């Protein structure tokens, strides 16, 4: 059982995993899988389940079943993994040797600019 919402666990394809992200699009899955495998994590990816159908009132006609979205859940088999701790603890590296920053993780930057830690950057 997870201690809080930032450290979730689930069985993915019968393997207990720490959840990295849910409802990822295919391009995001590819990015995360490549990055996590480079950092020696075993990655498990499963299709996100279809949303649950709303309850049907008595006498009402049942709506069509919900369609499964084209999204995926990404997990790693290392149950100690927590993406927040890994990013801010500077524990992950890009294939070109830089530390993974939050902007790189969120795919806001194509290259990780890790020369100055986030807590030392000065605004101005």
C-alpha atoms as a PDB file:
ATOM      1  CA  UNK A   1       0.000   0.000   0.000  1.00  0.00           C
ATOM      2  CA  UNK A   2       1.292   3.461  -0.874  1.00  0.00           C
ATOM      3  CA  UNK A   3       2.284   5.835   1.888  1.00  0.00           C
ATOM      4  CA  UNK A   4       0.914   8.779  -0.085  1.00  0.00           C
ATOM      5  CA  UNK A   5      -0.321   9.630  -3.577  1.00  0.00           C
ATOM      6  CA  UNK A   6       3.225  10.387  -4.743  1.00  0.00           C
ATOM      7  CA  UNK A   7       4.390   6.796  -4.297  1.00  0.00           C
ATOM      8  CA  UNK A   8       1.860   4.455  -5.892  1.00  0.00           C
ATOM      9  CA  UNK A   9       2.164   0.700  -6.463  1.00  0.00           C
ATOM     10  CA  UNK A  10       0.188  -1.630  -8.675  1.00  0.00           C
ATOM     11  CA  UNK A  11       0.391  -5.012 -10.387  1.00  0.00           C
ATOM     12  CA  UNK A  12       1.211  -4.506 -14.058  1.00  0.00           C
ATOM     13  CA  UNK A  13       1.065  -7.705 -16.112  1.00  0.00           C
ATOM     14  CA  UNK A  14       1.325  -9.701 -12.888  1.00  0.00           C
ATOM     15  CA  UNK A  15       4.455  -7.849 -11.704  1.00  0.00           C
ATOM     16  CA  UNK A  16       4.408  -5.599  -8.624  1.00  0.00           C
ATOM     17  CA  UNK A  17       5.590  -2.165  -9.780  1.00  0.00           C
ATOM     18  CA  UNK A  18       6.127   1.355  -8.522  1.00  0.00           C
ATOM     19  CA  UNK A  19       3.987   3.529 -10.795  1.00  0.00           C
ATOM     20  CA  UNK A  20       5.948   6.165 -12.693  1.00  0.00           C
ATOM     21  CA  UNK A  21       3.043   7.718 -14.623  1.00  0.00           C
ATOM     22  CA  UNK A  22      -0.502   6.849 -15.598  1.00  0.00           C
ATOM     23  CA  UNK A  23      -2.424   7.764 -18.745  1.00  0.00           C
ATOM     24  CA  UNK A  24       0.686   8.372 -20.865  1.00  0.00           C
ATOM     25  CA  UNK A  25       0.453   8.837 -24.616  1.00  0.00           C
ATOM     26  CA  UNK A  26       2.643   6.505 -26.741  1.00  0.00           C
ATOM     27  CA  UNK A  27       5.358   9.123 -27.373  1.00  0.00           C
ATOM     28  CA  UNK A  28       5.626   9.826 -23.624  1.00  0.00           C
ATOM     29  CA  UNK A  29       5.877   6.081 -22.937  1.00  0.00           C
ATOM     30  CA  UNK A  30       8.748   5.810 -25.407  1.00  0.00           C
ATOM     31  CA  UNK A  31      10.581   8.735 -23.758  1.00  0.00           C
ATOM     32  CA  UNK A  32      10.150   7.367 -20.218  1.00  0.00           C
ATOM     33  CA  UNK A  33      11.017   3.800 -21.171  1.00  0.00           C
ATOM     34  CA  UNK A  34      14.216   4.848 -22.924  1.00  0.00           C
ATOM     35  CA  UNK A  35      15.273   7.105 -20.032  1.00  0.00           C
ATOM     36  CA  UNK A  36      14.462   4.635 -17.255  1.00  0.00           C
ATOM     37  CA  UNK A  37      16.051   1.670 -19.006  1.00  0.00           C
ATOM     38  CA  UNK A  38      19.195   3.751 -19.547  1.00  0.00           C
ATOM     39  CA  UNK A  39      19.207   4.236 -15.750  1.00  0.00           C
ATOM     40  CA  UNK A  40      19.020   0.436 -15.241  1.00  0.00           C
ATOM     41  CA  UNK A  41      15.351   0.137 -14.279  1.00  0.00           C
ATOM     42  CA  UNK A  42      13.157  -2.671 -15.558  1.00  0.00           C
ATOM     43  CA  UNK A  43      10.164  -0.920 -17.104  1.00  0.00           C
ATOM     44  CA  UNK A  44       6.688  -2.442 -17.395  1.00  0.00           C
ATOM     45  CA  UNK A  45       4.101  -0.787 -19.647  1.00  0.00           C
ATOM     46  CA  UNK A  46       0.419  -1.740 -19.824  1.00  0.00           C
ATOM     47  CA  UNK A  47      -2.550  -0.236 -21.620  1.00  0.00           C
ATOM     48  CA  UNK A  48      -4.712   1.935 -19.386  1.00  0.00           C
ATOM     49  CA  UNK A  49      -8.049   0.311 -18.569  1.00  0.00           C
ATOM     50  CA  UNK A  50     -11.294   1.682 -19.903  1.00  0.00           C
ATOM     51  CA  UNK A  51     -13.093   4.021 -17.510  1.00  0.00           C
ATOM     52  CA  UNK A  52     -15.763   2.435 -15.364  1.00  0.00           C
ATOM     53  CA  UNK A  53     -19.299   2.710 -16.668  1.00  0.00           C
ATOM     54  CA  UNK A  54     -21.593   4.927 -14.598  1.00  0.00           C
ATOM     55  CA  UNK A  55     -24.332   3.132 -12.672  1.00  0.00           C
ATOM     56  CA  UNK A  56     -27.588   2.715 -14.545  1.00  0.00           C
ATOM     57  CA  UNK A  57     -30.788   3.859 -12.890  1.00  0.00           C
ATOM     58  CA  UNK A  58     -33.593   1.334 -12.579  1.00  0.00           C
ATOM     59  CA  UNK A  59     -35.623   1.180 -15.767  1.00  0.00           C
ATOM     60  CA  UNK A  60     -33.105   3.225 -17.765  1.00  0.00           C
ATOM     61  CA  UNK A  61     -31.403   1.944 -20.872  1.00  0.00           C
ATOM     62  CA  UNK A  62     -27.750   1.009 -20.364  1.00  0.00           C
ATOM     63  CA  UNK A  63     -25.299   3.284 -22.216  1.00  0.00           C
ATOM     64  CA  UNK A  64     -22.710   1.715 -24.518  1.00  0.00           C
ATOM     65  CA  UNK A  65     -19.592   0.495 -22.720  1.00  0.00           C
ATOM     66  CA  UNK A  66     -16.802   3.082 -22.446  1.00  0.00           C
ATOM     67  CA  UNK A  67     -13.990   2.833 -24.974  1.00  0.00           C
ATOM     68  CA  UNK A  68     -10.466   2.240 -23.638  1.00  0.00           C
ATOM     69  CA  UNK A  69      -8.274   5.293 -24.277  1.00  0.00           C
ATOM     70  CA  UNK A  70      -5.021   4.979 -26.204  1.00  0.00           C
ATOM     71  CA  UNK A  71      -2.969   5.630 -23.073  1.00  0.00           C
ATOM     72  CA  UNK A  72      -0.636   3.539 -20.967  1.00  0.00           C
ATOM     73  CA  UNK A  73       0.556   3.090 -17.391  1.00  0.00           C
ATOM     74  CA  UNK A  74       4.326   3.032 -16.894  1.00  0.00           C
ATOM     75  CA  UNK A  75       5.904   1.329 -13.897  1.00  0.00           C
ATOM     76  CA  UNK A  76       9.283   0.051 -12.742  1.00  0.00           C
ATOM     77  CA  UNK A  77       9.959  -3.150 -10.825  1.00  0.00           C
ATOM     78  CA  UNK A  78      12.117  -1.333  -8.253  1.00  0.00           C
ATOM     79  CA  UNK A  79       9.509  -0.591  -5.575  1.00  0.00           C
ATOM     80  CA  UNK A  80      11.769   2.008  -3.956  1.00  0.00           C
ATOM     81  CA  UNK A  81      11.576   4.188  -7.085  1.00  0.00           C
ATOM     82  CA  UNK A  82       9.803   7.521  -6.721  1.00  0.00           C
ATOM     83  CA  UNK A  83      10.030   9.916  -9.660  1.00  0.00           C
ATOM     84  CA  UNK A  84       9.915  13.043  -7.489  1.00  0.00           C
ATOM     85  CA  UNK A  85      12.795  11.830  -5.327  1.00  0.00           C
ATOM     86  CA  UNK A  86      14.742  10.663  -8.377  1.00  0.00           C
ATOM     87  CA  UNK A  87      14.435  14.022 -10.156  1.00  0.00           C
ATOM     88  CA  UNK A  88      15.076  16.374  -7.249  1.00  0.00           C
ATOM     89  CA  UNK A  89      17.641  14.016  -5.738  1.00  0.00           C
ATOM     90  CA  UNK A  90      19.509  14.202  -9.071  1.00  0.00           C
ATOM     91  CA  UNK A  91      19.586  10.398  -9.344  1.00  0.00           C
ATOM     92  CA  UNK A  92      18.695   9.991 -13.035  1.00  0.00           C
ATOM     93  CA  UNK A  93      20.968  10.668 -16.003  1.00  0.00           C
ATOM     94  CA  UNK A  94      20.303  11.308 -19.666  1.00  0.00           C
ATOM     95  CA  UNK A  95      22.050   9.128 -22.264  1.00  0.00           C
ATOM     96  CA  UNK A  96      24.434  12.031 -22.966  1.00  0.00           C
ATOM     97  CA  UNK A  97      25.551  12.103 -19.303  1.00  0.00           C
ATOM     98  CA  UNK A  98      23.599  15.051 -17.879  1.00  0.00           C
ATOM     99  CA  UNK A  99      21.493  14.933 -14.730  1.00  0.00           C
ATOM    100  CA  UNK A 100      17.755  14.791 -15.495  1.00  0.00           C
ATOM    101  CA  UNK A 101      16.082  18.080 -14.587  1.00  0.00           C
ATOM    102  CA  UNK A 102      12.379  18.626 -13.984  1.00  0.00           C
ATOM    103  CA  UNK A 103      12.015  20.453 -17.312  1.00  0.00           C
ATOM    104  CA  UNK A 104      13.691  17.555 -19.140  1.00  0.00           C
ATOM    105  CA  UNK A 105      11.487  14.996 -17.329  1.00  0.00           C
ATOM    106  CA  UNK A 106       8.383  16.959 -18.320  1.00  0.00           C
ATOM    107  CA  UNK A 107       9.753  17.181 -21.874  1.00  0.00           C
ATOM    108  CA  UNK A 108       9.763  20.976 -21.809  1.00  0.00           C
ATOM    109  CA  UNK A 109      13.470  20.964 -22.750  1.00  0.00           C
ATOM    110  CA  UNK A 110      15.061  18.687 -25.336  1.00  0.00           C
ATOM    111  CA  UNK A 111      18.426  18.790 -23.538  1.00  0.00           C
ATOM    112  CA  UNK A 112      18.902  18.635 -19.772  1.00  0.00           C
ATOM    113  CA  UNK A 113      20.654  21.822 -18.601  1.00  0.00           C
ATOM    114  CA  UNK A 114      21.947  20.641 -15.261  1.00  0.00           C
ATOM    115  CA  UNK A 115      24.884  22.996 -14.764  1.00  0.00           C
ATOM    116  CA  UNK A 116      23.231  24.693 -11.767  1.00  0.00           C
ATOM    117  CA  UNK A 117      20.867  22.798  -9.420  1.00  0.00           C
ATOM    118  CA  UNK A 118      17.288  24.103  -9.365  1.00  0.00           C
ATOM    119  CA  UNK A 119      17.669  25.397  -5.804  1.00  0.00           C
ATOM    120  CA  UNK A 120      20.681  27.579  -6.692  1.00  0.00           C
ATOM    121  CA  UNK A 121      19.202  29.235  -9.777  1.00  0.00           C
ATOM    122  CA  UNK A 122      18.700  32.932  -9.309  1.00  0.00           C
ATOM    123  CA  UNK A 123      15.760  34.725 -10.850  1.00  0.00           C
ATOM    124  CA  UNK A 124      16.502  37.974 -12.489  1.00  0.00           C
END
